[in-house]
Amino acid sequence: MRVILLSFVLFISACADTNEKIQPTEKVKITNDAIVGIDEKVSGKFLHEYANTWWQWTRTMDKQESPVRDLVGDKCSVNQSGDVWFLAGGYGSSKISRKCIIPEGKHIFFPIINMAYWPKRAGSTTCESVKKGAALNNDNVLLINVELDGANIPEARKYRIKSDKCFDLFGLIPEELNSPKVYPAATDGYWLMLKPLAKGKHNLKFSAQYNRVNGAFGKMAQDIEYEIEVQ
C-alpha cells in the first residue's frame, strides 16, 4: 500500500486487521540463543544494516514476483542471496500464512512490524526528517508476539531496530537499468534475526499492533505465519 503523507511516501510492512486486536498466547519460552543479539553482526553487518537492505531487496523484483505481496509463499525464494534469508511481512494491514523452503545454514531476518519513509521527490527532505517519520508509530506499540515452533521468543519488544544511516531505496537495482535514486530513505521497527534452524519443518508466527492515537496508520497490526522447511 502506498500512501503519500505530506512530502513523504510511507510504507508500513506486515500488518493485520485494524479493527481486531491480536491477543498474545501464553507459551513456553525458548532461550535467546535462537536469535542474534541486537548489537551482534552477521557476516560483517549489523542488524540495522540488514533492515535497510531488506527494504532495498523488496524493490529488486516486479510486483508479480514480490515475496511481500505473495499470499501463500510461492515467491519466498525470489532474489535471495548470501548468508541471510529474508522473510516478508505484508504491505499495510495483513493476515498472511505462507510456506517457505529455506536452505540449511541460513540466518533468517524478518520484520515483526515496521515503517519506512522516503521522499516523494529527490531533495525534498532530509535524512533526519525521514528517520523521525519512520519512528512515529513505533514509539506506540500495543503488543508484540513471536513464536517459533510453539514457543515464545522472549523479549522481542527489545528488538527495535532503526536505520543508523539513510539509504537509497533502489540501491540494489543494477546500474544498467537506470533506476532513479530514492534517497534519503529510513526504516524503524521491530526486527529479529534467527540463527540457522535445524533441518526439517518449523513453524514461525509473529504479530504486532500499533497504538498511536490520531496518527496515520496508528492502529495498524500484523499477523503473519510461516511453515518453514529447512533443507
Protein backbone atom coordinates (compact mmCIF):
# COMPACT_ATOMS: atom_id res chain seq x y z
CA MET A 1 0.00 0.00 0.00
CA ARG A 2 1.45 3.39 -0.92
CA VAL A 3 0.27 6.49 0.87
CA ILE A 4 1.55 9.99 0.34
CA LEU A 5 1.78 11.81 3.64
CA LEU A 6 2.89 15.45 3.44
CA SER A 7 6.14 15.32 1.48
CA PHE A 8 6.87 11.69 2.28
CA VAL A 9 5.92 8.31 0.86
CA LEU A 10 5.05 5.94 3.69
CA PHE A 11 5.01 2.17 3.74
CA ILE A 12 4.04 0.02 6.70
CA SER A 13 5.14 -3.57 6.43
CA ALA A 14 3.47 -6.67 7.77
CA CYS A 15 0.27 -5.54 9.48
CA ALA A 16 -3.18 -7.11 10.05
CA ASP A 17 -6.83 -6.19 10.75
CA THR A 18 -7.02 -2.73 12.31
CA ASN A 19 -10.38 -3.43 13.98
CA GLU A 20 -9.44 -6.54 15.89
CA LYS A 21 -6.70 -6.61 18.48
CA ILE A 22 -4.44 -9.64 18.44
CA GLN A 23 -4.16 -11.36 21.79
CA PRO A 24 -0.81 -12.97 22.53
CA THR A 25 -0.96 -16.57 23.68
CA GLU A 26 0.93 -17.95 26.67
CA LYS A 27 3.60 -20.38 25.52
CA VAL A 28 6.71 -21.92 26.97
CA LYS A 29 9.61 -19.57 26.41
CA ILE A 30 12.69 -20.54 24.47
CA THR A 31 16.08 -19.04 25.16
CA ASN A 32 17.59 -16.06 23.39
CA ASP A 33 20.15 -18.47 21.96
CA ALA A 34 17.78 -18.84 19.00
CA ILE A 35 18.21 -15.21 17.95
CA VAL A 36 21.09 -12.91 17.09
CA GLY A 37 21.68 -10.16 19.65
CA ILE A 38 20.70 -6.65 18.65
CA ASP A 39 24.32 -5.45 18.74
CA GLU A 40 25.84 -8.52 17.08
CA LYS A 41 26.97 -8.85 13.48
CA VAL A 42 26.11 -11.49 10.90
CA SER A 43 28.58 -11.81 8.02
CA GLY A 44 30.10 -8.46 8.96
CA LYS A 45 26.86 -6.43 9.10
CA PHE A 46 24.76 -5.11 11.97
CA LEU A 47 21.03 -5.76 12.10
CA HIS A 48 20.17 -2.14 11.29
CA GLU A 49 22.13 -2.56 8.07
CA TYR A 50 20.08 -5.65 7.22
CA ALA A 51 16.89 -3.67 7.84
CA ASN A 52 17.99 -1.16 5.20
CA THR A 53 18.96 -3.97 2.83
CA TRP A 54 15.62 -5.73 3.41
CA TRP A 55 13.78 -2.67 2.07
CA GLN A 56 16.14 -2.45 -0.89
CA TRP A 57 15.53 -6.16 -1.56
CA THR A 58 11.78 -5.52 -1.78
CA ARG A 59 12.46 -3.26 -4.77
CA THR A 60 14.55 -5.75 -6.76
CA MET A 61 11.59 -7.57 -8.32
CA ASP A 62 8.36 -6.84 -10.16
CA LYS A 63 5.14 -6.67 -8.14
CA GLN A 64 4.08 -10.04 -9.52
CA GLU A 65 7.23 -11.63 -8.08
CA SER A 66 7.21 -9.82 -4.75
CA PRO A 67 7.50 -12.04 -1.65
CA VAL A 68 5.80 -9.23 0.30
CA ARG A 69 2.70 -9.30 -1.92
CA ASP A 70 2.68 -13.10 -2.14
CA LEU A 71 -0.11 -14.60 -0.01
CA VAL A 72 0.98 -18.26 0.03
CA GLY A 73 4.78 -18.36 -0.12
CA ASP A 74 5.38 -19.22 -3.78
CA LYS A 75 7.75 -16.25 -4.11
CA CYS A 76 9.70 -16.91 -0.93
CA SER A 77 12.98 -17.60 -2.74
CA VAL A 78 12.91 -14.63 -5.15
CA ASN A 79 16.22 -12.72 -5.21
CA GLN A 80 17.59 -14.33 -2.05
CA SER A 81 21.38 -14.31 -1.72
CA GLY A 82 24.15 -14.56 0.85
CA ASP A 83 24.12 -15.98 4.36
CA VAL A 84 20.86 -14.28 5.41
CA TRP A 85 17.40 -15.24 4.16
CA PHE A 86 14.76 -12.51 4.18
CA LEU A 87 11.19 -13.31 5.16
CA ALA A 88 8.43 -10.90 4.22
CA GLY A 89 5.54 -9.46 6.12
CA GLY A 90 2.81 -7.71 4.17
CA TYR A 91 2.13 -4.19 2.94
CA GLY A 92 -0.46 -2.44 5.06
CA SER A 93 -2.84 -4.44 7.23
CA SER A 94 -2.07 -8.10 6.65
CA LYS A 95 -3.04 -11.52 7.92
CA ILE A 96 -1.00 -14.00 5.88
CA SER A 97 0.01 -17.65 6.09
CA ARG A 98 2.88 -18.82 3.86
CA LYS A 99 5.03 -21.88 3.23
CA CYS A 100 8.73 -21.44 2.57
CA ILE A 101 11.66 -23.77 1.83
CA ILE A 102 14.97 -22.39 3.15
CA PRO A 103 18.43 -23.86 2.55
CA GLU A 104 20.23 -25.23 5.57
CA GLY A 105 22.69 -22.87 7.27
CA LYS A 106 20.87 -19.61 6.56
CA HIS A 107 20.17 -16.96 9.16
CA ILE A 108 16.57 -15.72 8.87
CA PHE A 109 15.77 -12.00 9.10
CA PHE A 110 12.26 -10.54 9.18
CA PRO A 111 10.24 -7.52 10.35
CA ILE A 112 7.76 -8.13 13.14
CA ILE A 113 6.32 -4.72 12.31
CA ASN A 114 8.00 -1.68 10.79
CA MET A 115 7.63 1.52 8.83
CA ALA A 116 9.75 3.18 6.16
CA TYR A 117 9.81 6.74 4.88
CA TRP A 118 11.41 8.25 1.80
CA PRO A 119 10.92 11.46 -0.15
CA LYS A 120 8.24 11.91 -2.75
CA ARG A 121 10.84 13.56 -4.95
CA ALA A 122 14.61 13.81 -4.78
CA GLY A 123 15.98 16.51 -2.50
CA SER A 124 12.64 17.32 -0.88
CA THR A 125 13.59 16.29 2.66
CA THR A 126 16.48 15.31 4.92
CA CYS A 127 17.74 12.10 6.44
CA GLU A 128 16.73 13.20 9.93
CA SER A 129 13.20 14.02 8.75
CA VAL A 130 12.57 10.56 7.28
CA LYS A 131 14.02 8.94 10.39
CA LYS A 132 11.54 10.86 12.55
CA GLY A 133 8.67 9.92 10.25
CA ALA A 134 9.55 6.22 10.40
CA ALA A 135 9.72 6.36 14.20
CA LEU A 136 6.23 7.74 14.89
CA ASN A 137 4.11 4.60 15.22
CA ASN A 138 6.97 2.57 16.63
CA ASP A 139 7.00 4.80 19.69
CA ASN A 140 3.49 3.48 20.43
CA VAL A 141 3.36 -0.32 20.17
CA LEU A 142 0.46 -2.10 21.87
CA LEU A 143 1.79 -5.64 21.64
CA ILE A 144 4.44 -7.81 20.04
CA ASN A 145 4.42 -11.58 19.99
CA VAL A 146 6.77 -14.02 18.26
CA GLU A 147 6.59 -17.81 18.41
CA LEU A 148 8.96 -20.39 16.98
CA ASP A 149 7.78 -23.99 16.96
CA GLY A 150 5.08 -23.17 19.51
CA ALA A 151 7.40 -21.44 22.00
CA ASN A 152 7.61 -17.71 22.69
CA ILE A 153 10.76 -15.86 21.73
CA PRO A 154 11.37 -13.76 24.84
CA GLU A 155 11.83 -10.01 24.92
CA ALA A 156 11.01 -9.44 21.24
CA ARG A 157 9.89 -5.93 22.20
CA LYS A 158 13.52 -5.07 22.95
CA TYR A 159 14.50 -5.65 19.34
CA ARG A 160 13.62 -2.26 17.98
CA ILE A 161 15.92 -1.56 15.07
CA LYS A 162 16.16 1.65 13.10
CA SER A 163 18.30 2.97 10.27
CA ASP A 164 21.59 4.28 11.55
CA LYS A 165 22.31 5.76 8.14
CA CYS A 166 19.78 6.61 5.46
CA PHE A 167 19.85 4.62 2.23
CA ASP A 168 18.88 4.67 -1.42
CA LEU A 169 15.70 2.60 -1.71
CA PHE A 170 16.72 1.41 -5.19
CA GLY A 171 20.31 0.77 -4.16
CA LEU A 172 20.29 -2.94 -5.11
CA ILE A 173 18.91 -2.44 -8.61
CA PRO A 174 21.63 -2.89 -11.27
CA GLU A 175 23.01 0.39 -12.60
CA GLU A 176 22.35 -0.60 -16.21
CA LEU A 177 18.61 -0.42 -15.53
CA ASN A 178 18.96 3.32 -14.88
CA SER A 179 16.55 3.37 -11.96
CA PRO A 180 16.11 6.70 -10.15
CA LYS A 181 17.85 7.31 -6.86
CA VAL A 182 15.41 7.37 -3.96
CA TYR A 183 17.34 8.97 -1.11
CA PRO A 184 17.13 9.52 1.80
CA ALA A 185 15.10 6.51 2.95
CA ALA A 186 14.92 5.20 6.52
CA THR A 187 13.18 2.40 8.36
CA ASP A 188 12.23 1.92 12.00
CA GLY A 189 10.54 -1.03 13.65
CA TYR A 190 10.89 -4.37 15.35
CA TRP A 191 13.01 -6.99 13.62
CA LEU A 192 14.51 -10.37 14.50
CA MET A 193 17.41 -12.35 13.10
CA LEU A 194 17.06 -16.07 13.77
CA LYS A 195 20.13 -18.22 13.91
CA PRO A 196 20.15 -21.08 11.38
CA LEU A 197 17.42 -23.61 12.10
CA ALA A 198 17.90 -27.38 12.17
CA LYS A 199 16.92 -29.34 9.08
CA GLY A 200 13.25 -30.22 8.99
CA LYS A 201 9.95 -28.42 9.44
CA HIS A 202 9.39 -25.38 11.65
CA ASN A 203 6.54 -23.00 12.41
CA LEU A 204 7.10 -19.26 12.84
CA LYS A 205 4.39 -16.81 13.91
CA PHE A 206 4.79 -13.09 14.50
CA SER A 207 2.18 -10.49 15.35
CA ALA A 208 2.20 -6.88 16.46
CA GLN A 209 -0.05 -3.85 16.69
CA TYR A 210 0.47 -0.11 16.88
CA ASN A 211 -1.50 2.06 19.30
CA ARG A 212 -0.87 5.65 18.25
CA VAL A 213 -3.82 7.94 18.91
CA ASN A 214 -4.88 10.16 16.00
CA GLY A 215 -1.86 9.20 13.93
CA ALA A 216 -1.77 7.96 10.36
CA PHE A 217 -1.76 4.14 10.45
CA GLY A 218 -1.62 4.39 14.22
CA LYS A 219 -3.76 1.28 14.78
CA MET A 220 -2.09 -0.96 12.22
CA ALA A 221 -1.46 -4.57 13.17
CA GLN A 222 0.04 -7.67 11.67
CA ASP A 223 -0.46 -11.40 11.93
CA ILE A 224 1.99 -13.49 9.87
CA GLU A 225 2.66 -17.23 9.92
CA TYR A 226 5.28 -19.29 8.11
CA GLU A 227 5.53 -23.03 7.69
CA ILE A 228 9.27 -23.37 7.09
CA GLU A 229 11.11 -26.39 5.80
CA VAL A 230 14.88 -26.29 6.10
CA GLN A 231 16.57 -28.49 3.50
